[in-house]
């Protein structure tokens, strides 16, 4: 039996655009996608820290170096420029893969520059 685990996370992404009439769902700077090992058209979940909205969609590419995070189409109703997001993808793992699995986690600053990469989250103490 396979189980689902966090594969990749982009934490602290700031929405730069929100385009209701654009074909595609979430455009992300290809350099940021590469850092997080997320592929074009990969399913993602978006968690909007600013307003609490949560949605599932897929990625499309934004120009390398642009630092664009654009929430498009119907998803544009759930995020606006300036909102802070967590963007995650998940993987189905076999039991034998679980113990060695480490997610790719990328943390961004307020300008969508990568400030940290890690493969774990510290245990919450409180």
C-alpha atoms as a PDB file:
ATOM      1  CA  UNK A   1       0.000   0.000   0.000  1.00  0.00           C
ATOM      2  CA  UNK A   2       1.336   3.437  -0.943  1.00  0.00           C
ATOM      3  CA  UNK A   3       1.021   6.489   1.289  1.00  0.00           C
ATOM      4  CA  UNK A   4       1.122  10.189   0.352  1.00  0.00           C
ATOM      5  CA  UNK A   5       3.930  12.388   1.684  1.00  0.00           C
ATOM      6  CA  UNK A   6       5.101  15.954   1.187  1.00  0.00           C
ATOM      7  CA  UNK A   7       7.369  15.990  -1.887  1.00  0.00           C
ATOM      8  CA  UNK A   8       8.050  19.706  -2.279  1.00  0.00           C
ATOM      9  CA  UNK A   9       7.176  22.946  -0.554  1.00  0.00           C
ATOM     10  CA  UNK A  10       7.604  26.600  -1.502  1.00  0.00           C
ATOM     11  CA  UNK A  11       7.077  28.525   1.733  1.00  0.00           C
ATOM     12  CA  UNK A  12       6.396  32.259   1.946  1.00  0.00           C
ATOM     13  CA  UNK A  13       5.693  32.870  -1.754  1.00  0.00           C
ATOM     14  CA  UNK A  14       4.216  36.320  -2.369  1.00  0.00           C
ATOM     15  CA  UNK A  15       1.540  36.554  -5.062  1.00  0.00           C
ATOM     16  CA  UNK A  16       2.680  38.978  -7.767  1.00  0.00           C
ATOM     17  CA  UNK A  17      -0.285  38.595 -10.140  1.00  0.00           C
ATOM     18  CA  UNK A  18      -3.875  37.352 -10.020  1.00  0.00           C
ATOM     19  CA  UNK A  19      -5.302  36.869 -13.531  1.00  0.00           C
ATOM     20  CA  UNK A  20      -8.931  35.643 -13.719  1.00  0.00           C
ATOM     21  CA  UNK A  21      -8.980  35.505 -17.536  1.00  0.00           C
ATOM     22  CA  UNK A  22      -5.657  33.704 -18.002  1.00  0.00           C
ATOM     23  CA  UNK A  23      -5.384  30.129 -19.297  1.00  0.00           C
ATOM     24  CA  UNK A  24      -3.577  28.169 -16.639  1.00  0.00           C
ATOM     25  CA  UNK A  25      -3.681  28.037 -12.922  1.00  0.00           C
ATOM     26  CA  UNK A  26      -0.486  28.988 -11.086  1.00  0.00           C
ATOM     27  CA  UNK A  27       2.497  30.424 -12.936  1.00  0.00           C
ATOM     28  CA  UNK A  28       5.714  30.175 -10.940  1.00  0.00           C
ATOM     29  CA  UNK A  29       9.190  31.411 -11.878  1.00  0.00           C
ATOM     30  CA  UNK A  30      10.867  28.355 -13.399  1.00  0.00           C
ATOM     31  CA  UNK A  31      13.976  28.927 -11.232  1.00  0.00           C
ATOM     32  CA  UNK A  32      11.850  28.629  -8.071  1.00  0.00           C
ATOM     33  CA  UNK A  33      10.135  25.505  -9.439  1.00  0.00           C
ATOM     34  CA  UNK A  34      13.516  23.929 -10.178  1.00  0.00           C
ATOM     35  CA  UNK A  35      14.768  24.684  -6.646  1.00  0.00           C
ATOM     36  CA  UNK A  36      11.710  22.888  -5.243  1.00  0.00           C
ATOM     37  CA  UNK A  37      11.789  20.032  -7.805  1.00  0.00           C
ATOM     38  CA  UNK A  38       8.271  20.850  -9.010  1.00  0.00           C
ATOM     39  CA  UNK A  39       7.547  20.228 -12.688  1.00  0.00           C
ATOM     40  CA  UNK A  40       5.394  22.072 -15.215  1.00  0.00           C
ATOM     41  CA  UNK A  41       1.757  20.856 -14.994  1.00  0.00           C
ATOM     42  CA  UNK A  42       2.402  19.112 -11.667  1.00  0.00           C
ATOM     43  CA  UNK A  43      -0.524  19.122  -9.248  1.00  0.00           C
ATOM     44  CA  UNK A  44      -0.015  21.501  -6.333  1.00  0.00           C
ATOM     45  CA  UNK A  45      -1.964  22.553  -3.284  1.00  0.00           C
ATOM     46  CA  UNK A  46      -1.924  26.232  -2.393  1.00  0.00           C
ATOM     47  CA  UNK A  47      -2.419  27.344   1.200  1.00  0.00           C
ATOM     48  CA  UNK A  48      -3.041  31.087   1.464  1.00  0.00           C
ATOM     49  CA  UNK A  49      -1.546  32.260   4.762  1.00  0.00           C
ATOM     50  CA  UNK A  50      -3.093  35.715   4.312  1.00  0.00           C
ATOM     51  CA  UNK A  51      -6.753  34.711   4.004  1.00  0.00           C
ATOM     52  CA  UNK A  52      -6.901  31.001   4.914  1.00  0.00           C
ATOM     53  CA  UNK A  53      -8.049  29.822   1.467  1.00  0.00           C
ATOM     54  CA  UNK A  54      -6.866  26.401   0.289  1.00  0.00           C
ATOM     55  CA  UNK A  55      -7.034  25.019  -3.245  1.00  0.00           C
ATOM     56  CA  UNK A  56      -5.624  22.408  -5.594  1.00  0.00           C
ATOM     57  CA  UNK A  57      -4.396  23.316  -9.061  1.00  0.00           C
ATOM     58  CA  UNK A  58      -1.351  22.783 -11.306  1.00  0.00           C
ATOM     59  CA  UNK A  59       1.756  24.710 -12.263  1.00  0.00           C
ATOM     60  CA  UNK A  60       2.635  26.560 -15.429  1.00  0.00           C
ATOM     61  CA  UNK A  61       5.976  28.194 -16.122  1.00  0.00           C
ATOM     62  CA  UNK A  62       6.790  31.855 -15.542  1.00  0.00           C
ATOM     63  CA  UNK A  63       9.897  33.508 -16.972  1.00  0.00           C
ATOM     64  CA  UNK A  64      13.156  32.514 -15.241  1.00  0.00           C
ATOM     65  CA  UNK A  65      14.354  35.193 -12.836  1.00  0.00           C
ATOM     66  CA  UNK A  66      11.015  37.044 -12.889  1.00  0.00           C
ATOM     67  CA  UNK A  67      10.071  35.932  -9.337  1.00  0.00           C
ATOM     68  CA  UNK A  68       6.464  35.679 -10.594  1.00  0.00           C
ATOM     69  CA  UNK A  69       3.862  33.834  -8.546  1.00  0.00           C
ATOM     70  CA  UNK A  70       0.634  34.305 -10.523  1.00  0.00           C
ATOM     71  CA  UNK A  71      -2.612  32.701  -9.394  1.00  0.00           C
ATOM     72  CA  UNK A  72      -4.795  32.398 -12.487  1.00  0.00           C
ATOM     73  CA  UNK A  73      -8.239  31.412 -13.724  1.00  0.00           C
ATOM     74  CA  UNK A  74     -10.799  30.372 -11.106  1.00  0.00           C
ATOM     75  CA  UNK A  75      -8.006  30.199  -8.496  1.00  0.00           C
ATOM     76  CA  UNK A  76      -7.540  33.974  -8.881  1.00  0.00           C
ATOM     77  CA  UNK A  77     -10.659  34.423  -6.739  1.00  0.00           C
ATOM     78  CA  UNK A  78      -8.737  32.915  -3.816  1.00  0.00           C
ATOM     79  CA  UNK A  79      -5.503  34.969  -3.899  1.00  0.00           C
ATOM     80  CA  UNK A  80      -4.521  38.519  -4.750  1.00  0.00           C
ATOM     81  CA  UNK A  81      -1.185  40.301  -5.198  1.00  0.00           C
ATOM     82  CA  UNK A  82       0.598  40.629  -1.870  1.00  0.00           C
ATOM     83  CA  UNK A  83      -0.913  37.471  -0.348  1.00  0.00           C
ATOM     84  CA  UNK A  84       1.555  35.069   1.270  1.00  0.00           C
ATOM     85  CA  UNK A  85       1.322  31.411   0.206  1.00  0.00           C
ATOM     86  CA  UNK A  86       2.617  27.952   0.919  1.00  0.00           C
ATOM     87  CA  UNK A  87       2.707  25.840  -2.254  1.00  0.00           C
ATOM     88  CA  UNK A  88       3.050  22.058  -1.863  1.00  0.00           C
ATOM     89  CA  UNK A  89       3.240  18.948  -3.992  1.00  0.00           C
ATOM     90  CA  UNK A  90       2.939  15.387  -2.757  1.00  0.00           C
ATOM     91  CA  UNK A  91       4.273  11.976  -3.756  1.00  0.00           C
ATOM     92  CA  UNK A  92       2.887   8.469  -3.389  1.00  0.00           C
ATOM     93  CA  UNK A  93       5.564   6.362  -1.705  1.00  0.00           C
ATOM     94  CA  UNK A  94       5.917   2.649  -1.216  1.00  0.00           C
ATOM     95  CA  UNK A  95       6.618   1.430   2.317  1.00  0.00           C
ATOM     96  CA  UNK A  96      10.269   0.791   1.411  1.00  0.00           C
ATOM     97  CA  UNK A  97      10.751   4.439   0.322  1.00  0.00           C
ATOM     98  CA  UNK A  98       9.271   6.139   3.383  1.00  0.00           C
ATOM     99  CA  UNK A  99      12.180   5.962   5.829  1.00  0.00           C
ATOM    100  CA  UNK A 100      14.652   7.579   3.412  1.00  0.00           C
ATOM    101  CA  UNK A 101      12.276  10.189   1.964  1.00  0.00           C
ATOM    102  CA  UNK A 102      13.188  13.865   2.425  1.00  0.00           C
ATOM    103  CA  UNK A 103      11.023  16.610   0.939  1.00  0.00           C
ATOM    104  CA  UNK A 104      12.518  19.526  -0.995  1.00  0.00           C
ATOM    105  CA  UNK A 105      11.546  22.661   0.933  1.00  0.00           C
ATOM    106  CA  UNK A 106      12.329  26.127  -0.382  1.00  0.00           C
ATOM    107  CA  UNK A 107      11.775  29.267   1.686  1.00  0.00           C
ATOM    108  CA  UNK A 108      11.309  32.635  -0.004  1.00  0.00           C
ATOM    109  CA  UNK A 109      11.717  36.211   1.195  1.00  0.00           C
ATOM    110  CA  UNK A 110       9.205  39.027   0.543  1.00  0.00           C
ATOM    111  CA  UNK A 111      10.618  39.444  -3.008  1.00  0.00           C
ATOM    112  CA  UNK A 112      10.335  35.725  -3.843  1.00  0.00           C
ATOM    113  CA  UNK A 113      14.084  35.154  -3.608  1.00  0.00           C
ATOM    114  CA  UNK A 114      15.194  31.781  -2.248  1.00  0.00           C
ATOM    115  CA  UNK A 115      16.653  32.303   1.218  1.00  0.00           C
ATOM    116  CA  UNK A 116      16.822  28.713   2.469  1.00  0.00           C
ATOM    117  CA  UNK A 117      16.506  25.104   1.294  1.00  0.00           C
ATOM    118  CA  UNK A 118      16.025  22.173   3.626  1.00  0.00           C
ATOM    119  CA  UNK A 119      14.804  18.598   3.766  1.00  0.00           C
ATOM    120  CA  UNK A 120      13.152  18.689   7.179  1.00  0.00           C
ATOM    121  CA  UNK A 121      11.044  20.756   9.541  1.00  0.00           C
ATOM    122  CA  UNK A 122      12.020  21.112  13.200  1.00  0.00           C
ATOM    123  CA  UNK A 123       9.820  19.289  15.667  1.00  0.00           C
ATOM    124  CA  UNK A 124       7.239  21.636  17.179  1.00  0.00           C
ATOM    125  CA  UNK A 125       7.843  21.990  20.927  1.00  0.00           C
ATOM    126  CA  UNK A 126       4.616  23.723  21.930  1.00  0.00           C
END
